[in-house]
Amino acid sequence: MKTIFIALMLVTVASPTLAAPDAPLSTPPGASPHTVPPASHILGNSALNSAPVSAASLPNVGKVLEVIETDLYSFIEVTNNNGSVWLATTKTKVLKGDNIRYGQGATMSNFTSRSLKRTFPSIIFIDRIASM
């Protein structure tokens, strides 16, 4: 009888955890524990910022060679003194031929984009760019 009671207590206590193992420890009011907020909620409506920026905050400069858009992200190939490089950021309005500034970001090698069905040998994930 004691064993059944302990087993029932364990099931009762563990059942919310078993029902949603990937839920965060705390969920903001009105948010679903299974929904990931779009990147725009984290980074603002766009990674492109036309406000004046210092060269120290966005030290890299490049000319846009190609832009590939997805629902949430922009993949931007730029050329600079070191050759061409791919950047990934939240969806941003940028055109081929634009000159932009961008930060250091985080570089990944052999990154595969499932939405594009493409592997980038090297890509830099950045949080913002600025047009020049």
Protein backbone atom coordinates (compact mmCIF):
# COMPACT_ATOMS: atom_id res chain seq x y z
CA MET A 1 0.00 0.00 0.00
CA LYS A 2 2.87 2.37 0.87
CA THR A 3 4.53 1.61 -2.48
CA ILE A 4 1.36 2.50 -4.43
CA PHE A 5 0.99 5.78 -2.51
CA ILE A 6 4.63 6.75 -3.22
CA ALA A 7 4.25 5.81 -6.90
CA LEU A 8 1.08 7.94 -7.20
CA MET A 9 2.83 10.88 -5.54
CA LEU A 10 5.76 10.62 -7.95
CA VAL A 11 3.45 10.50 -10.98
CA THR A 12 1.47 13.49 -9.70
CA VAL A 13 4.57 15.57 -9.05
CA ALA A 14 6.38 14.52 -12.25
CA SER A 15 3.44 14.70 -14.67
CA PRO A 16 3.75 18.45 -15.50
CA THR A 17 7.44 17.90 -16.21
CA LEU A 18 6.71 14.87 -18.38
CA ALA A 19 4.02 16.75 -20.30
CA ALA A 20 6.33 19.60 -21.30
CA PRO A 21 9.99 18.62 -20.93
CA ASP A 22 11.21 21.46 -23.13
CA ALA A 23 9.23 24.21 -21.39
CA PRO A 24 11.26 26.97 -19.77
CA LEU A 25 11.37 27.18 -16.00
CA SER A 26 9.30 30.35 -16.09
CA THR A 27 7.05 31.60 -18.85
CA PRO A 28 6.20 35.30 -19.25
CA PRO A 29 2.51 36.13 -18.78
CA GLY A 30 0.50 35.52 -21.95
CA ALA A 31 3.28 33.52 -23.62
CA SER A 32 3.05 29.87 -24.52
CA PRO A 33 5.82 27.74 -23.00
CA HIS A 34 6.30 26.08 -26.40
CA THR A 35 6.67 29.22 -28.51
CA VAL A 36 10.00 30.77 -29.37
CA PRO A 37 9.71 34.54 -29.84
CA PRO A 38 10.75 35.86 -33.24
CA ALA A 39 14.22 37.34 -33.40
CA SER A 40 12.72 40.81 -33.91
CA HIS A 41 11.51 40.72 -30.29
CA ILE A 42 15.09 40.27 -29.18
CA LEU A 43 16.90 42.54 -31.61
CA GLY A 44 14.20 45.09 -32.48
CA ASN A 45 12.26 45.29 -35.74
CA SER A 46 15.33 45.25 -37.92
CA ALA A 47 19.03 44.68 -37.64
CA LEU A 48 19.57 47.64 -39.95
CA ASN A 49 20.04 50.83 -38.02
CA SER A 50 20.43 54.10 -39.86
CA ALA A 51 21.39 55.97 -36.67
CA PRO A 52 24.97 57.23 -36.66
CA VAL A 53 27.42 54.62 -35.42
CA SER A 54 31.03 54.80 -34.50
CA ALA A 55 33.65 52.82 -36.34
CA ALA A 56 34.52 51.25 -32.98
CA SER A 57 31.06 49.74 -32.49
CA LEU A 58 30.79 48.48 -36.10
CA PRO A 59 34.41 48.28 -37.24
CA ASN A 60 33.91 46.28 -40.45
CA VAL A 61 32.92 47.86 -43.76
CA GLY A 62 31.78 46.05 -46.88
CA LYS A 63 29.92 46.37 -50.16
CA VAL A 64 26.91 44.09 -50.56
CA LEU A 65 27.38 41.53 -53.35
CA GLU A 66 24.31 39.36 -52.77
CA VAL A 67 21.28 39.20 -50.46
CA ILE A 68 19.22 36.09 -49.73
CA GLU A 69 16.05 36.59 -47.68
CA THR A 70 14.14 34.06 -45.58
CA ASP A 71 11.09 34.68 -43.42
CA LEU A 72 13.17 35.79 -40.43
CA TYR A 73 16.75 36.26 -41.60
CA SER A 74 18.88 37.98 -44.22
CA PHE A 75 22.00 36.29 -45.55
CA ILE A 76 24.28 38.97 -46.97
CA GLU A 77 27.49 38.46 -48.92
CA VAL A 78 29.82 41.44 -48.63
CA THR A 79 33.23 42.16 -50.05
CA ASN A 80 35.94 44.05 -48.20
CA ASN A 81 39.75 44.28 -48.10
CA ASN A 82 39.94 40.62 -46.98
CA GLY A 83 37.77 39.24 -49.80
CA SER A 84 34.11 38.26 -49.53
CA VAL A 85 32.31 37.05 -46.42
CA TRP A 86 28.75 35.93 -45.64
CA LEU A 87 26.79 37.60 -42.85
CA ALA A 88 23.57 36.42 -41.21
CA THR A 89 21.29 38.78 -39.31
CA THR A 90 17.61 39.36 -38.62
CA LYS A 91 15.63 40.20 -41.74
CA THR A 92 16.96 43.51 -43.00
CA LYS A 93 16.30 45.66 -46.03
CA VAL A 94 19.63 45.94 -47.79
CA LEU A 95 20.32 46.01 -51.51
CA LYS A 96 23.06 44.73 -53.75
CA GLY A 97 25.65 47.50 -54.09
CA ASP A 98 24.92 49.07 -50.67
CA ASN A 99 27.88 49.92 -48.45
CA ILE A 100 27.38 48.75 -44.86
CA ARG A 101 29.12 48.62 -41.49
CA TYR A 102 28.89 45.52 -39.30
CA GLY A 103 30.27 44.21 -36.03
CA GLN A 104 32.55 41.31 -35.20
CA GLY A 105 29.77 38.77 -34.59
CA ALA A 106 30.24 35.05 -34.12
CA THR A 107 31.81 33.06 -36.95
CA MET A 108 30.67 29.53 -37.77
CA SER A 109 32.34 27.15 -40.19
CA ASN A 110 30.34 24.81 -42.42
CA PHE A 111 26.99 26.25 -41.32
CA THR A 112 24.02 24.58 -43.02
CA SER A 113 20.85 26.61 -43.40
CA ARG A 114 17.92 24.20 -43.51
CA SER A 115 15.58 26.83 -44.95
CA LEU A 116 18.00 27.60 -47.81
CA LYS A 117 19.23 24.00 -48.16
CA ARG A 118 22.73 25.44 -48.42
CA THR A 119 25.99 25.12 -46.53
CA PHE A 120 28.13 28.21 -46.02
CA PRO A 121 31.85 27.39 -45.60
CA SER A 122 32.09 30.35 -43.20
CA ILE A 123 29.42 32.77 -42.00
CA ILE A 124 29.35 35.53 -39.39
CA PHE A 125 26.23 35.93 -37.25
CA ILE A 126 25.79 39.59 -36.39
CA ASP A 127 23.16 41.48 -34.43
CA ARG A 128 23.10 44.64 -36.51
CA ILE A 129 24.36 46.44 -39.57
CA ALA A 130 24.32 50.09 -40.51
CA SER A 131 24.11 51.59 -43.96
CA MET A 132 26.76 54.15 -44.90
